Amino acid sequence: MNVKAKEILSKLRLFFGKAKNRHITYLLVISLFALGEFLHSGLARRTFVFYSNIGDNIVVEDRMLRRSRNRETDVRRYVNEVLLGPASPRSNPLFPRETRLSSFMLRDGVVYADLTEYAALPVSRAGSVFRSLLTLNEGVRRNFSFVKDVRLFIGGNAVFFEEFREIFANSADNNKTSP
């Protein structure tokens, strides 16, 4: 064998002769494999909020959605998943099952989503249209940090613009001190 190759093999033998070095190398290889798998899969974790059938309890679901190279497509996929409803049979959907996304647009950090007229109907006695739309609005903002505002429409008509603007303008600010 070549002298250089023997020298490299002896150094490797010395390095891997210690259990600590072997374990660190194994962890490094596994971590690199997991990172490559994550980057290759193209999935992103998104959170969804629904409400329980019993009471007013919040049910949070995590789903892995396929990422695209287009931010608008990612947000549209999220809204469509919300319209599909919860995976748990013990949770109510936010909107009636017939509700669809009529049109969608993301421009300069503002989401414009037009839902069909079925979105104006409450899902259950405990649910309200305002709460469902507010939950959708908060979900989009929570999952996509680049979204500055969400404008929702039902059947082409603007809904709750002023109410949502007031809610998000008066969000909690823990830096202020009370007088």
Protein backbone atom coordinates (compact mmCIF):
# COMPACT_ATOMS: atom_id res chain seq x y z
CA MET A 1 0.00 0.00 0.00
CA ASN A 2 0.95 3.53 -0.48
CA VAL A 3 2.65 5.19 2.50
CA LYS A 4 0.21 8.08 2.44
CA ALA A 5 -2.81 5.75 2.49
CA LYS A 6 -1.32 3.79 5.43
CA GLU A 7 -0.80 7.03 7.31
CA ILE A 8 -4.43 8.13 6.73
CA LEU A 9 -5.78 4.71 7.75
CA SER A 10 -3.74 4.69 10.95
CA LYS A 11 -5.04 8.16 11.88
CA LEU A 12 -8.62 7.07 11.18
CA ARG A 13 -8.10 3.90 13.23
CA LEU A 14 -6.78 6.03 16.09
CA PHE A 15 -9.70 8.49 15.80
CA PHE A 16 -12.42 5.82 15.63
CA GLY A 17 -10.70 3.77 18.32
CA LYS A 18 -12.35 6.04 20.89
CA ALA A 19 -16.02 5.33 21.53
CA LYS A 20 -16.81 9.02 22.02
CA ASN A 21 -15.53 9.88 18.53
CA ARG A 22 -17.54 7.03 16.96
CA HIS A 23 -20.74 8.15 18.69
CA ILE A 24 -20.29 11.77 17.61
CA THR A 25 -19.64 10.66 14.03
CA TYR A 26 -22.77 8.47 14.06
CA LEU A 27 -24.86 11.38 15.35
CA LEU A 28 -23.42 13.69 12.71
CA VAL A 29 -24.18 11.24 9.89
CA ILE A 30 -27.74 10.64 11.15
CA SER A 31 -28.33 14.40 11.53
CA LEU A 32 -27.12 15.10 8.01
CA PHE A 33 -29.32 12.32 6.65
CA ALA A 34 -32.37 13.69 8.53
CA LEU A 35 -31.69 17.22 7.28
CA GLY A 36 -31.39 16.00 3.70
CA GLU A 37 -34.62 14.03 4.03
CA PHE A 38 -36.42 17.07 5.46
CA LEU A 39 -35.20 19.37 2.71
CA HIS A 40 -36.05 16.82 0.03
CA SER A 41 -39.57 16.11 1.34
CA GLY A 42 -40.76 19.69 0.82
CA LEU A 43 -43.26 19.57 3.69
CA ALA A 44 -44.07 22.35 6.14
CA ARG A 45 -45.91 22.01 9.46
CA ARG A 46 -49.06 24.14 9.69
CA THR A 47 -51.40 24.54 12.64
CA PHE A 48 -55.18 24.59 12.35
CA VAL A 49 -57.67 25.67 15.01
CA PHE A 50 -61.14 24.18 15.20
CA TYR A 51 -63.71 24.00 17.99
CA SER A 52 -64.94 20.97 19.88
CA ASN A 53 -68.45 19.53 19.42
CA ILE A 54 -68.87 19.70 23.18
CA GLY A 55 -68.45 23.12 24.74
CA ASP A 56 -66.31 25.88 23.33
CA ASN A 57 -62.96 24.09 23.64
CA ILE A 58 -60.28 24.81 21.08
CA VAL A 59 -58.86 21.87 19.15
CA VAL A 60 -55.47 22.44 17.50
CA GLU A 61 -54.36 20.18 14.67
CA ASP A 62 -50.92 20.01 13.09
CA ARG A 63 -50.73 19.00 9.46
CA MET A 64 -47.84 18.67 7.08
CA LEU A 65 -48.56 20.50 3.84
CA ARG A 66 -46.46 20.39 0.71
CA ARG A 67 -44.39 23.52 0.22
CA SER A 68 -44.16 25.22 -3.14
CA ARG A 69 -41.86 27.89 -4.45
CA ASN A 70 -44.79 30.32 -4.54
CA ARG A 71 -46.04 31.95 -1.32
CA GLU A 72 -49.51 32.52 -2.78
CA THR A 73 -49.89 28.82 -3.51
CA ASP A 74 -48.80 27.93 0.04
CA VAL A 75 -51.40 30.23 1.63
CA ARG A 76 -54.10 29.05 -0.80
CA ARG A 77 -53.38 25.43 0.17
CA TYR A 78 -53.70 26.37 3.83
CA VAL A 79 -57.10 28.07 3.29
CA ASN A 80 -58.35 25.08 1.30
CA GLU A 81 -57.28 22.76 4.12
CA VAL A 82 -59.20 24.91 6.61
CA LEU A 83 -62.28 24.63 4.41
CA LEU A 84 -61.94 20.83 4.35
CA GLY A 85 -62.46 20.87 8.11
CA PRO A 86 -60.94 18.99 11.01
CA ALA A 87 -59.52 15.48 10.90
CA SER A 88 -61.06 14.69 14.28
CA PRO A 89 -64.73 13.67 14.25
CA ARG A 90 -65.11 15.36 17.65
CA SER A 91 -64.48 18.80 16.17
CA ASN A 92 -66.72 21.11 14.18
CA PRO A 93 -65.54 22.55 10.88
CA LEU A 94 -65.27 26.34 10.76
CA PHE A 95 -67.50 26.55 7.68
CA PRO A 96 -70.24 24.39 6.15
CA ARG A 97 -68.89 21.53 4.02
CA GLU A 98 -70.21 23.16 0.84
CA THR A 99 -68.01 26.25 1.30
CA ARG A 100 -65.35 26.69 -1.38
CA LEU A 101 -62.69 29.25 -2.18
CA SER A 102 -64.02 31.29 -5.13
CA SER A 103 -60.96 33.41 -5.68
CA PHE A 104 -57.66 34.02 -3.94
CA MET A 105 -54.85 36.52 -4.27
CA LEU A 106 -51.74 37.52 -2.30
CA ARG A 107 -50.38 40.97 -3.13
CA ASP A 108 -47.82 42.97 -1.14
CA GLY A 109 -48.37 40.87 1.97
CA VAL A 110 -52.17 41.20 1.87
CA VAL A 111 -54.31 38.08 1.40
CA TYR A 112 -57.62 38.48 -0.46
CA ALA A 113 -59.83 35.41 -0.12
CA ASP A 114 -63.38 35.19 -1.48
CA LEU A 115 -65.46 32.34 -0.08
CA THR A 116 -68.73 31.07 -1.51
CA GLU A 117 -72.03 32.17 0.04
CA TYR A 118 -72.21 29.03 2.20
CA ALA A 119 -69.56 30.59 4.47
CA ALA A 120 -72.23 33.02 5.71
CA LEU A 121 -74.13 30.17 7.38
CA PRO A 122 -73.17 29.17 10.94
CA VAL A 123 -71.98 25.56 11.29
CA SER A 124 -73.63 24.85 14.63
CA ARG A 125 -75.68 26.63 17.25
CA ALA A 126 -72.55 27.40 19.26
CA GLY A 127 -70.59 28.66 16.26
CA SER A 128 -70.79 32.06 14.66
CA VAL A 129 -69.71 33.32 11.26
CA PHE A 130 -67.61 36.05 12.87
CA ARG A 131 -65.71 33.55 15.04
CA SER A 132 -65.06 31.26 12.06
CA LEU A 133 -63.75 34.10 9.90
CA LEU A 134 -61.65 35.46 12.77
CA THR A 135 -60.15 32.00 13.35
CA LEU A 136 -59.30 31.70 9.65
CA ASN A 137 -57.76 35.19 9.69
CA GLU A 138 -55.65 34.40 12.77
CA GLY A 139 -54.58 31.05 11.32
CA VAL A 140 -53.27 32.62 8.13
CA ARG A 141 -51.37 35.27 10.12
CA ARG A 142 -49.97 32.70 12.56
CA ASN A 143 -48.73 30.27 9.90
CA PHE A 144 -47.37 32.81 7.42
CA SER A 145 -45.28 35.56 8.98
CA PHE A 146 -45.00 37.46 5.69
CA VAL A 147 -48.77 38.14 5.65
CA LYS A 148 -49.52 41.66 6.89
CA ASP A 149 -53.29 41.65 6.48
CA VAL A 150 -56.09 39.26 5.54
CA ARG A 151 -59.16 40.55 3.68
CA LEU A 152 -62.04 38.10 3.59
CA PHE A 153 -65.04 38.22 1.28
CA ILE A 154 -68.19 36.11 1.09
CA GLY A 155 -69.83 35.99 -2.30
CA GLY A 156 -67.79 39.00 -3.40
CA ASN A 157 -68.87 41.14 -0.43
CA ALA A 158 -66.37 42.40 2.15
CA VAL A 159 -66.94 41.02 5.64
CA PHE A 160 -65.82 42.39 9.02
CA PHE A 161 -62.99 44.60 7.67
CA GLU A 162 -63.33 47.22 10.38
CA GLU A 163 -63.84 44.71 13.19
CA PHE A 164 -60.74 42.72 12.21
CA ARG A 165 -58.68 45.87 11.75
CA GLU A 166 -59.61 46.99 15.27
CA ILE A 167 -58.84 43.57 16.77
CA PHE A 168 -55.40 43.34 15.18
CA ALA A 169 -54.56 47.00 15.80
CA ASN A 170 -55.27 46.53 19.53
CA SER A 171 -53.26 43.34 19.91
CA ALA A 172 -51.59 42.71 23.24
CA ASP A 173 -48.43 44.73 23.80
CA ASN A 174 -46.58 43.59 26.90
CA ASN A 175 -44.05 46.42 26.63
CA LYS A 176 -46.53 49.09 27.66
CA THR A 177 -46.90 49.89 31.31
CA SER A 178 -50.28 50.77 32.73
CA PRO A 179 -50.67 54.25 34.26
